[in-house]
Structures are given as C-alpha cells and as structure tokens.
C-alpha cells in the first residue's frame, strides 16, 4: 500500500491536476506551476544564461502546458519530463532566434553604417547616396511597429527592454518585431552586399 508521499500517489495527484487543467481549471495549473516552475527556470537559465529571457521561457512553457493539456499522456512519460521537454524546446527556440537576430543585426548594421559613412570621390559619393536611399526606402517599407523598433534600436541605441518600456509592447513582441524587420531589411538590401552585387 502506498504512503501519502510515495511516487505513485504523487503521480495520481498530477494526473488529477492535469485532468483539471484539461477542463480549464487555472488553480490546477497554478499548483503544477508551483511544483515545477523552479526546475523550468533553472533549465532555461542554463541554456540562455539571462534571467529575463529564462523567466519569459517559464511563462511560455506553462502557457503551452495550459494550451496543450489534452496532448499530455502519462503513458509516454512523467509530467515533469513533459514540462521540462516543453521548456527545453522553448529555450532552444529562443536561443536560436537570438543568435539569428544577432547575425542579422550585424549584417544590416554594417549596411546602415556603410550608408552613413563619409566618402571622398564623386563615384563613391554617388554610390553612397544610392546606398543611403535604398536603406531609407527599405526602412520606410517596414510596418510601422517594426520600423519604430529598429529605429529605436539602431538610431537611438536602446536595448530591447528599453524599447519595450518606451513602446508599451511586451519584450517578446519587441524582439519578434526586430527579428522580422531585420529579415525584411536583409532581403531588401541584399543587392547592396558584396555577395549580392552584380
């Protein structure tokens, strides 16, 4: 017979909680959060090495638990394993996204800097003018929210958190807007890069 704190009684309790989550009970999700948020945060911190980003992953992971509760199956593994797999996936997605954004920022930032660099001879002046025109045109072609975030990041030097505070948008939204904007700018400015030059 199982004692109160035995693994089987703990597992039964988790199954009951997940059934309540499936039925839309936020208190049950709160109890699961209380039990596993520390483990999820530690995992996300190991992967991302930045507390703010790790905390966002915790929120995303438990939102996914709420959304995908019907997909949980105890036969395929414990609740802890399922939640940590979700958190690991979210953290790795975040890491890849940040690395991709950094590469894009470097490429687009180099192009923006080249467009603003002083030039000496008339041929270079013409090329610089064309480059500047193309950069401004590409920026103008962005959706307003994306353009605002890029301008605040590049021309005012604000961090993602500062942009979120200034615009009132969530930090994750700011990061997504900048990432999407950078991808659009990279495509628009590809002909100006040495690889894209005819």
C-alpha atoms as a PDB file:
ATOM      1  CA  UNK A   1       0.000   0.000   0.000  1.00  0.00           C
ATOM      2  CA  UNK A   2       1.333   3.463  -0.951  1.00  0.00           C
ATOM      3  CA  UNK A   3       2.153   6.032   1.648  1.00  0.00           C
ATOM      4  CA  UNK A   4       0.996   9.641   1.246  1.00  0.00           C
ATOM      5  CA  UNK A   5       4.270  10.897  -0.212  1.00  0.00           C
ATOM      6  CA  UNK A   6       5.008   7.882  -2.433  1.00  0.00           C
ATOM      7  CA  UNK A   7       5.767   8.260  -6.150  1.00  0.00           C
ATOM      8  CA  UNK A   8       2.502   6.566  -7.155  1.00  0.00           C
ATOM      9  CA  UNK A   9       0.345   8.908  -5.031  1.00  0.00           C
ATOM     10  CA  UNK A  10       2.284  11.875  -6.378  1.00  0.00           C
ATOM     11  CA  UNK A  11       1.725  10.609  -9.919  1.00  0.00           C
ATOM     12  CA  UNK A  12      -2.004  10.096  -9.247  1.00  0.00           C
ATOM     13  CA  UNK A  13      -2.261  13.638  -7.900  1.00  0.00           C
ATOM     14  CA  UNK A  14      -0.528  15.012 -11.015  1.00  0.00           C
ATOM     15  CA  UNK A  15      -2.901  13.064 -13.262  1.00  0.00           C
ATOM     16  CA  UNK A  16      -5.868  14.566 -11.395  1.00  0.00           C
ATOM     17  CA  UNK A  17      -4.358  18.044 -11.702  1.00  0.00           C
ATOM     18  CA  UNK A  18      -3.778  17.600 -15.440  1.00  0.00           C
ATOM     19  CA  UNK A  19      -7.358  16.428 -15.868  1.00  0.00           C
ATOM     20  CA  UNK A  20      -8.490  19.618 -14.119  1.00  0.00           C
ATOM     21  CA  UNK A  21      -6.211  21.690 -16.384  1.00  0.00           C
ATOM     22  CA  UNK A  22      -7.787  19.974 -19.420  1.00  0.00           C
ATOM     23  CA  UNK A  23     -11.155  21.104 -18.085  1.00  0.00           C
ATOM     24  CA  UNK A  24      -9.899  24.698 -17.851  1.00  0.00           C
ATOM     25  CA  UNK A  25      -9.100  24.961 -14.143  1.00  0.00           C
ATOM     26  CA  UNK A  26      -6.453  27.683 -13.671  1.00  0.00           C
ATOM     27  CA  UNK A  27      -5.937  26.743 -10.000  1.00  0.00           C
ATOM     28  CA  UNK A  28      -4.790  23.286 -11.067  1.00  0.00           C
ATOM     29  CA  UNK A  29      -2.304  24.878 -13.473  1.00  0.00           C
ATOM     30  CA  UNK A  30      -1.167  27.104 -10.603  1.00  0.00           C
ATOM     31  CA  UNK A  31      -0.413  24.049  -8.480  1.00  0.00           C
ATOM     32  CA  UNK A  32       1.579  22.474 -11.327  1.00  0.00           C
ATOM     33  CA  UNK A  33       3.390  25.791 -11.803  1.00  0.00           C
ATOM     34  CA  UNK A  34       4.255  25.953  -8.097  1.00  0.00           C
ATOM     35  CA  UNK A  35       5.670  22.445  -8.279  1.00  0.00           C
ATOM     36  CA  UNK A  36       7.770  22.799 -11.449  1.00  0.00           C
ATOM     37  CA  UNK A  37       8.495  26.489 -12.131  1.00  0.00           C
ATOM     38  CA  UNK A  38      11.799  26.366 -10.231  1.00  0.00           C
ATOM     39  CA  UNK A  39      13.035  23.383 -12.250  1.00  0.00           C
ATOM     40  CA  UNK A  40      11.945  25.016 -15.518  1.00  0.00           C
ATOM     41  CA  UNK A  41      13.632  28.314 -14.586  1.00  0.00           C
ATOM     42  CA  UNK A  42      16.893  26.531 -13.715  1.00  0.00           C
ATOM     43  CA  UNK A  43      16.829  24.676 -17.047  1.00  0.00           C
ATOM     44  CA  UNK A  44      16.098  27.850 -19.036  1.00  0.00           C
ATOM     45  CA  UNK A  45      18.846  29.741 -17.181  1.00  0.00           C
ATOM     46  CA  UNK A  46      21.381  27.023 -18.028  1.00  0.00           C
ATOM     47  CA  UNK A  47      20.518  27.345 -21.722  1.00  0.00           C
ATOM     48  CA  UNK A  48      20.004  31.119 -22.032  1.00  0.00           C
ATOM     49  CA  UNK A  49      22.225  32.476 -19.227  1.00  0.00           C
ATOM     50  CA  UNK A  50      19.988  35.528 -18.835  1.00  0.00           C
ATOM     51  CA  UNK A  51      17.318  35.690 -16.138  1.00  0.00           C
ATOM     52  CA  UNK A  52      14.810  37.861 -18.024  1.00  0.00           C
ATOM     53  CA  UNK A  53      14.866  35.569 -21.052  1.00  0.00           C
ATOM     54  CA  UNK A  54      14.651  32.480 -18.820  1.00  0.00           C
ATOM     55  CA  UNK A  55      11.624  33.911 -16.985  1.00  0.00           C
ATOM     56  CA  UNK A  56       9.901  34.508 -20.327  1.00  0.00           C
ATOM     57  CA  UNK A  57      10.554  30.862 -21.235  1.00  0.00           C
ATOM     58  CA  UNK A  58       8.925  29.787 -17.954  1.00  0.00           C
ATOM     59  CA  UNK A  59       5.806  31.789 -18.862  1.00  0.00           C
ATOM     60  CA  UNK A  60       5.768  30.406 -22.404  1.00  0.00           C
ATOM     61  CA  UNK A  61       6.264  26.827 -21.205  1.00  0.00           C
ATOM     62  CA  UNK A  62       3.375  26.941 -18.740  1.00  0.00           C
ATOM     63  CA  UNK A  63       1.154  28.696 -21.269  1.00  0.00           C
ATOM     64  CA  UNK A  64       1.915  25.760 -23.598  1.00  0.00           C
ATOM     65  CA  UNK A  65       1.071  23.298 -20.800  1.00  0.00           C
ATOM     66  CA  UNK A  66      -2.289  25.061 -20.471  1.00  0.00           C
ATOM     67  CA  UNK A  67      -2.910  25.096 -24.236  1.00  0.00           C
ATOM     68  CA  UNK A  68      -1.730  21.542 -24.892  1.00  0.00           C
ATOM     69  CA  UNK A  69      -3.001  19.794 -21.754  1.00  0.00           C
ATOM     70  CA  UNK A  70      -5.150  17.395 -23.823  1.00  0.00           C
ATOM     71  CA  UNK A  71      -1.979  16.143 -25.546  1.00  0.00           C
ATOM     72  CA  UNK A  72      -0.315  15.041 -22.306  1.00  0.00           C
ATOM     73  CA  UNK A  73      -0.201  11.281 -21.871  1.00  0.00           C
ATOM     74  CA  UNK A  74       1.161   9.667 -18.701  1.00  0.00           C
ATOM     75  CA  UNK A  75       1.943   6.516 -20.721  1.00  0.00           C
ATOM     76  CA  UNK A  76       4.589   8.432 -22.697  1.00  0.00           C
ATOM     77  CA  UNK A  77       6.329   9.851 -19.638  1.00  0.00           C
ATOM     78  CA  UNK A  78       6.004  11.733 -16.378  1.00  0.00           C
ATOM     79  CA  UNK A  79       4.514  15.190 -16.114  1.00  0.00           C
ATOM     80  CA  UNK A  80       7.934  16.515 -15.063  1.00  0.00           C
ATOM     81  CA  UNK A  81       9.546  15.086 -18.200  1.00  0.00           C
ATOM     82  CA  UNK A  82       6.806  16.542 -20.424  1.00  0.00           C
ATOM     83  CA  UNK A  83       7.059  20.022 -18.888  1.00  0.00           C
ATOM     84  CA  UNK A  84      10.874  20.096 -18.985  1.00  0.00           C
ATOM     85  CA  UNK A  85      10.828  18.934 -22.639  1.00  0.00           C
ATOM     86  CA  UNK A  86       8.485  21.832 -23.471  1.00  0.00           C
ATOM     87  CA  UNK A  87      10.699  24.288 -21.561  1.00  0.00           C
ATOM     88  CA  UNK A  88      13.882  22.994 -23.192  1.00  0.00           C
ATOM     89  CA  UNK A  89      12.316  23.341 -26.632  1.00  0.00           C
ATOM     90  CA  UNK A  90      11.142  26.917 -25.897  1.00  0.00           C
ATOM     91  CA  UNK A  91      14.573  27.878 -24.517  1.00  0.00           C
ATOM     92  CA  UNK A  92      16.424  26.442 -27.522  1.00  0.00           C
ATOM     93  CA  UNK A  93      13.997  28.204 -29.892  1.00  0.00           C
ATOM     94  CA  UNK A  94      14.708  31.428 -28.045  1.00  0.00           C
ATOM     95  CA  UNK A  95      18.474  30.883 -28.198  1.00  0.00           C
ATOM     96  CA  UNK A  96      18.380  30.158 -31.950  1.00  0.00           C
ATOM     97  CA  UNK A  97      16.169  33.203 -32.515  1.00  0.00           C
ATOM     98  CA  UNK A  98      18.549  35.466 -30.570  1.00  0.00           C
ATOM     99  CA  UNK A  99      21.575  34.116 -32.453  1.00  0.00           C
ATOM    100  CA  UNK A 100      19.801  34.601 -35.797  1.00  0.00           C
ATOM    101  CA  UNK A 101      18.810  38.122 -34.789  1.00  0.00           C
ATOM    102  CA  UNK A 102      22.384  38.930 -33.771  1.00  0.00           C
ATOM    103  CA  UNK A 103      23.698  37.785 -37.162  1.00  0.00           C
ATOM    104  CA  UNK A 104      21.016  39.808 -38.951  1.00  0.00           C
ATOM    105  CA  UNK A 105      21.718  42.873 -36.817  1.00  0.00           C
ATOM    106  CA  UNK A 106      25.409  42.642 -37.649  1.00  0.00           C
ATOM    107  CA  UNK A 107      24.718  42.364 -41.397  1.00  0.00           C
ATOM    108  CA  UNK A 108      22.087  45.089 -41.541  1.00  0.00           C
ATOM    109  CA  UNK A 109      24.019  47.270 -39.083  1.00  0.00           C
ATOM    110  CA  UNK A 110      27.098  47.072 -41.324  1.00  0.00           C
ATOM    111  CA  UNK A 111      24.969  48.138 -44.287  1.00  0.00           C
ATOM    112  CA  UNK A 112      23.444  51.053 -42.357  1.00  0.00           C
ATOM    113  CA  UNK A 113      26.900  52.164 -41.214  1.00  0.00           C
ATOM    114  CA  UNK A 114      28.257  51.972 -44.777  1.00  0.00           C
ATOM    115  CA  UNK A 115      25.323  54.060 -45.993  1.00  0.00           C
ATOM    116  CA  UNK A 116      26.185  56.794 -43.469  1.00  0.00           C
ATOM    117  CA  UNK A 117      29.990  56.702 -43.841  1.00  0.00           C
ATOM    118  CA  UNK A 118      31.705  59.826 -45.240  1.00  0.00           C
ATOM    119  CA  UNK A 119      33.013  59.433 -48.810  1.00  0.00           C
ATOM    120  CA  UNK A 120      35.870  61.054 -50.737  1.00  0.00           C
ATOM    121  CA  UNK A 121      35.427  60.863 -54.507  1.00  0.00           C
ATOM    122  CA  UNK A 122      32.366  61.592 -56.710  1.00  0.00           C
ATOM    123  CA  UNK A 123      31.855  57.955 -57.770  1.00  0.00           C
ATOM    124  CA  UNK A 124      31.845  56.850 -54.134  1.00  0.00           C
ATOM    125  CA  UNK A 125      29.559  59.757 -53.295  1.00  0.00           C
ATOM    126  CA  UNK A 126      27.053  58.591 -55.916  1.00  0.00           C
ATOM    127  CA  UNK A 127      27.234  55.003 -54.638  1.00  0.00           C
ATOM    128  CA  UNK A 128      26.854  56.180 -51.028  1.00  0.00           C
ATOM    129  CA  UNK A 129      23.843  58.293 -51.998  1.00  0.00           C
ATOM    130  CA  UNK A 130      22.245  55.294 -53.711  1.00  0.00           C
ATOM    131  CA  UNK A 131      23.039  53.096 -50.728  1.00  0.00           C
ATOM    132  CA  UNK A 132      21.513  55.647 -48.314  1.00  0.00           C
ATOM    133  CA  UNK A 133      18.412  55.974 -50.499  1.00  0.00           C
ATOM    134  CA  UNK A 134      17.956  52.187 -50.590  1.00  0.00           C
ATOM    135  CA  UNK A 135      18.370  51.851 -46.799  1.00  0.00           C
ATOM    136  CA  UNK A 136      15.817  54.614 -46.139  1.00  0.00           C
ATOM    137  CA  UNK A 137      13.461  53.111 -48.708  1.00  0.00           C
ATOM    138  CA  UNK A 138      13.777  49.671 -47.098  1.00  0.00           C
ATOM    139  CA  UNK A 139      13.115  51.174 -43.654  1.00  0.00           C
ATOM    140  CA  UNK A 140      10.092  53.074 -44.967  1.00  0.00           C
ATOM    141  CA  UNK A 141       8.716  49.819 -46.392  1.00  0.00           C
ATOM    142  CA  UNK A 142       8.563  48.162 -42.971  1.00  0.00           C
ATOM    143  CA  UNK A 143       5.315  48.010 -40.974  1.00  0.00           C
ATOM    144  CA  UNK A 144       5.167  50.962 -38.560  1.00  0.00           C
ATOM    145  CA  UNK A 145       5.707  48.889 -35.381  1.00  0.00           C
ATOM    146  CA  UNK A 146       8.731  47.102 -36.845  1.00  0.00           C
ATOM    147  CA  UNK A 147      10.269  50.332 -38.198  1.00  0.00           C
ATOM    148  CA  UNK A 148       9.816  52.046 -34.825  1.00  0.00           C
ATOM    149  CA  UNK A 149      11.614  49.217 -33.000  1.00  0.00           C
ATOM    150  CA  UNK A 150      14.500  49.165 -35.497  1.00  0.00           C
ATOM    151  CA  UNK A 151      14.920  52.942 -35.358  1.00  0.00           C
ATOM    152  CA  UNK A 152      14.908  52.934 -31.559  1.00  0.00           C
ATOM    153  CA  UNK A 153      17.492  50.122 -31.528  1.00  0.00           C
ATOM    154  CA  UNK A 154      19.850  51.443 -34.221  1.00  0.00           C
ATOM    155  CA  UNK A 155      19.460  55.204 -34.239  1.00  0.00           C
ATOM    156  CA  UNK A 156      18.780  55.762 -30.549  1.00  0.00           C
ATOM    157  CA  UNK A 157      20.792  52.800 -29.223  1.00  0.00           C
ATOM    158  CA  UNK A 158      18.029  51.486 -26.946  1.00  0.00           C
ATOM    159  CA  UNK A 159      18.079  47.915 -25.619  1.00  0.00           C
ATOM    160  CA  UNK A 160      15.134  45.591 -26.227  1.00  0.00           C
ATOM    161  CA  UNK A 161      13.930  46.193 -22.664  1.00  0.00           C
ATOM    162  CA  UNK A 162      14.133  49.969 -23.102  1.00  0.00           C
ATOM    163  CA  UNK A 163      12.192  49.720 -26.373  1.00  0.00           C
ATOM    164  CA  UNK A 164       9.527  47.611 -24.641  1.00  0.00           C
ATOM    165  CA  UNK A 165       9.250  50.208 -21.858  1.00  0.00           C
ATOM    166  CA  UNK A 166       9.034  53.094 -24.335  1.00  0.00           C
ATOM    167  CA  UNK A 167       6.516  51.489 -26.719  1.00  0.00           C
ATOM    168  CA  UNK A 168       4.470  49.616 -24.114  1.00  0.00           C
ATOM    169  CA  UNK A 169       4.871  46.382 -26.102  1.00  0.00           C
ATOM    170  CA  UNK A 170       5.867  43.136 -24.341  1.00  0.00           C
ATOM    171  CA  UNK A 171       9.579  42.321 -24.538  1.00  0.00           C
ATOM    172  CA  UNK A 172       8.947  39.201 -26.636  1.00  0.00           C
ATOM    173  CA  UNK A 173       6.896  41.256 -29.112  1.00  0.00           C
ATOM    174  CA  UNK A 174       9.708  43.807 -29.442  1.00  0.00           C
ATOM    175  CA  UNK A 175      12.222  41.043 -30.146  1.00  0.00           C
ATOM    176  CA  UNK A 176       9.921  39.466 -32.729  1.00  0.00           C
ATOM    177  CA  UNK A 177       9.324  42.810 -34.444  1.00  0.00           C
ATOM    178  CA  UNK A 178      13.050  43.481 -34.685  1.00  0.00           C
ATOM    179  CA  UNK A 179      13.763  39.977 -35.966  1.00  0.00           C
ATOM    180  CA  UNK A 180      11.076  40.216 -38.667  1.00  0.00           C
ATOM    181  CA  UNK A 181      12.242  43.704 -39.626  1.00  0.00           C
ATOM    182  CA  UNK A 182      15.855  42.558 -39.926  1.00  0.00           C
ATOM    183  CA  UNK A 183      14.871  39.687 -42.191  1.00  0.00           C
ATOM    184  CA  UNK A 184      12.924  42.077 -44.450  1.00  0.00           C
ATOM    185  CA  UNK A 185      15.781  44.582 -44.490  1.00  0.00           C
ATOM    186  CA  UNK A 186      18.307  41.876 -45.290  1.00  0.00           C
ATOM    187  CA  UNK A 187      16.233  40.811 -48.323  1.00  0.00           C
ATOM    188  CA  UNK A 188      15.678  44.393 -49.444  1.00  0.00           C
ATOM    189  CA  UNK A 189      19.350  45.318 -49.074  1.00  0.00           C
ATOM    190  CA  UNK A 190      20.826  42.078 -50.464  1.00  0.00           C
ATOM    191  CA  UNK A 191      21.720  43.727 -53.808  1.00  0.00           C
ATOM    192  CA  UNK A 192      23.945  46.202 -51.911  1.00  0.00           C
ATOM    193  CA  UNK A 193      26.025  43.494 -50.224  1.00  0.00           C
ATOM    194  CA  UNK A 194      29.234  42.263 -51.903  1.00  0.00           C
ATOM    195  CA  UNK A 195      27.646  38.811 -52.493  1.00  0.00           C
ATOM    196  CA  UNK A 196      24.525  40.393 -53.981  1.00  0.00           C
ATOM    197  CA  UNK A 197      26.332  42.883 -56.190  1.00  0.00           C
ATOM    198  CA  UNK A 198      26.076  42.153 -59.935  1.00  0.00           C
END
